[in-house]
Structures are given as structure tokens and as C-alpha cells.
Amino acid sequence: MALYEHIFLARQDLSQAQVDQLAANATEIIEANDGKVTKTETWGLKSLAYKIDRNRKAHFVMLNIDGPGSVVEELERQTRINEDVLRYMTIRVEEHEDGPSVMMRKNDRDRKRRSDREDRD
């Protein structure tokens, strides 16, 4: 089976519980179509480079998927219908990253820098 990374951006006015529910719905769609989600990461609420549908921020979520192409077709079809999702992108990858993604490592690095800066004060 093929490996995919699916990232979607959810509206800024959703709560974290609603964003988690969107990720759970995507996981259900994938598993119903003979695929499996190997990793789910919520990157949090981040600023966008430009407004999308009057939103300056969005919740970012990434899913690592292992499944056939039909899984991606159905997932993208359902995502297109959902009004809470601003943008999405699915790409095929050769292999999934082990451990946290680059975005999660960046968040950890930024937190460490902030705490180091506070310790100096």
C-alpha cells in the first residue's frame, strides 16, 4: 500500500475538541476504506500568510496514512464537503518520518528558547 501525508487547515473559531473530532472523522473515513492512520499530529493554531475566507489563523492537523489511492479520493471528497476545513493537501511519500515532524520539532525548539530567555531575566 502507498504512504501519504494529509494536512488540513481548520477554521480559527473551532475549539480544540472540534478540531480533534475532525481528525477522528478523517481517521474513520480512512479505516472504513481499508487504510490506516499511523500518526496524527495537531500543530495548533497558527497565523496564515494571507486571509483565507476571512480567517487570519487556522488549526493545522497532519495525518500519516497507509492505504490505497481510493482512500485518498474518498478522504479528499469528504474534506471538500466539510465547511470547517479551509484548505487541505495530500501528498504521496516514500516513507513516513520517525518521531515528531519538522513542525513539532520547531515548536519544541521555540519553547526551549523562550524558557531559556526567561531564565536569563
Protein backbone atom coordinates (compact mmCIF):
# COMPACT_ATOMS: atom_id res chain seq x y z
CA MET A 1 0.00 0.00 0.00
CA ALA A 2 1.03 3.58 -0.62
CA LEU A 3 2.08 6.08 2.05
CA TYR A 4 0.53 9.55 2.20
CA GLU A 5 0.66 12.69 4.33
CA HIS A 6 -2.64 14.56 4.60
CA ILE A 7 -2.63 18.05 6.11
CA PHE A 8 -5.70 20.16 6.63
CA LEU A 9 -6.36 23.64 7.99
CA ALA A 10 -9.48 24.11 10.12
CA ARG A 11 -11.22 27.42 10.88
CA GLN A 12 -9.82 29.51 13.72
CA ASP A 13 -13.11 29.76 15.63
CA LEU A 14 -13.27 25.99 16.27
CA SER A 15 -12.39 24.66 19.70
CA GLN A 16 -9.59 22.12 20.13
CA ALA A 17 -12.20 19.42 20.79
CA GLN A 18 -13.88 20.17 17.45
CA VAL A 19 -10.53 20.02 15.65
CA ASP A 20 -9.83 16.65 17.30
CA GLN A 21 -13.26 15.47 16.13
CA LEU A 22 -12.39 16.48 12.54
CA ALA A 23 -9.21 14.39 12.79
CA ALA A 24 -11.23 11.48 14.24
CA ASN A 25 -13.73 11.74 11.36
CA ALA A 26 -10.88 11.62 8.85
CA THR A 27 -9.47 8.56 10.62
CA GLU A 28 -12.86 6.84 10.43
CA ILE A 29 -13.10 7.54 6.69
CA ILE A 30 -9.62 6.12 6.14
CA GLU A 31 -10.25 2.98 8.19
CA ALA A 32 -13.62 2.39 6.50
CA ASN A 33 -11.81 2.27 3.14
CA ASP A 34 -9.13 -0.30 4.10
CA GLY A 35 -6.46 2.19 5.13
CA LYS A 36 -4.87 3.05 8.43
CA VAL A 37 -3.59 6.19 10.13
CA THR A 38 -0.11 5.63 11.51
CA LYS A 39 0.30 9.05 13.15
CA THR A 40 -1.85 12.10 13.90
CA GLU A 41 -0.30 15.43 14.85
CA THR A 42 -2.09 18.62 15.82
CA TRP A 43 0.22 21.54 15.20
CA GLY A 44 -2.09 24.04 16.90
CA LEU A 45 -3.44 27.44 15.96
CA LYS A 46 -1.03 29.24 13.64
CA SER A 47 -1.09 32.50 11.71
CA LEU A 48 -1.65 32.30 7.97
CA ALA A 49 0.42 34.19 5.40
CA TYR A 50 -2.79 35.67 3.95
CA LYS A 51 -6.51 35.64 4.73
CA ILE A 52 -8.48 32.57 3.68
CA ASP A 53 -12.26 33.06 3.83
CA ARG A 54 -11.81 35.95 6.31
CA ASN A 55 -9.59 33.84 8.60
CA ARG A 56 -6.16 35.09 9.66
CA LYS A 57 -5.35 31.94 11.67
CA ALA A 58 -6.08 28.23 11.33
CA HIS A 59 -5.70 24.97 13.24
CA PHE A 60 -3.18 22.71 11.45
CA VAL A 61 -3.53 18.90 11.58
CA MET A 62 -1.38 16.25 9.86
CA LEU A 63 -2.26 12.58 9.32
CA ASN A 64 0.17 9.91 8.12
CA ILE A 65 -1.84 7.44 6.03
CA ASP A 66 -1.05 3.95 4.82
CA GLY A 67 -3.59 2.80 2.23
CA PRO A 68 -4.66 2.53 -1.41
CA GLY A 69 -5.43 5.52 -3.65
CA SER A 70 -9.17 5.06 -3.20
CA VAL A 71 -8.74 6.08 0.46
CA VAL A 72 -7.29 9.43 -0.61
CA GLU A 73 -10.08 10.00 -3.13
CA GLU A 74 -12.79 9.46 -0.52
CA LEU A 75 -10.96 11.45 2.17
CA GLU A 76 -10.50 14.43 -0.15
CA ARG A 77 -14.13 14.21 -1.29
CA GLN A 78 -15.36 14.32 2.32
CA THR A 79 -12.90 17.08 3.22
CA ARG A 80 -14.07 19.19 0.27
CA ILE A 81 -17.67 18.98 1.57
CA ASN A 82 -16.77 19.98 5.15
CA GLU A 83 -17.18 23.73 5.72
CA ASP A 84 -14.88 23.74 8.75
CA VAL A 85 -11.84 22.87 6.61
CA LEU A 86 -10.26 25.87 4.86
CA ARG A 87 -7.55 24.05 2.89
CA TYR A 88 -6.13 20.55 2.60
CA MET A 89 -3.29 18.82 0.81
CA THR A 90 -2.43 15.16 0.40
CA ILE A 91 0.95 14.07 -0.92
CA ARG A 92 2.43 10.65 -1.55
CA VAL A 93 5.70 9.98 0.27
CA GLU A 94 8.31 7.24 0.02
CA GLU A 95 8.38 6.74 3.79
CA HIS A 96 6.95 8.39 6.88
CA GLU A 97 9.21 10.28 9.28
CA ASP A 98 10.05 8.52 12.51
CA GLY A 99 9.36 10.58 15.60
CA PRO A 100 7.88 14.08 15.55
CA SER A 101 7.56 16.02 12.31
CA VAL A 102 9.59 19.12 11.50
CA MET A 103 6.77 21.38 12.70
CA MET A 104 6.61 19.65 16.09
CA ARG A 105 10.39 19.87 16.50
CA LYS A 106 10.21 23.58 15.64
CA ASN A 107 7.56 24.12 18.35
CA ASP A 108 9.73 22.34 20.92
CA ARG A 109 12.78 24.38 19.90
CA ASP A 110 10.82 27.66 20.18
CA ARG A 111 9.51 26.71 23.63
CA LYS A 112 13.04 25.89 24.80
CA ARG A 113 14.33 29.24 23.54
CA ARG A 114 11.56 31.10 25.36
CA SER A 115 12.23 29.28 28.62
CA ASP A 116 15.98 29.92 28.30
CA ARG A 117 15.29 33.60 27.71
CA GLU A 118 13.03 33.75 30.79
CA ASP A 119 15.70 32.05 32.90
CA ARG A 120 18.20 34.77 31.99
CA ASP A 121 15.88 37.56 33.17
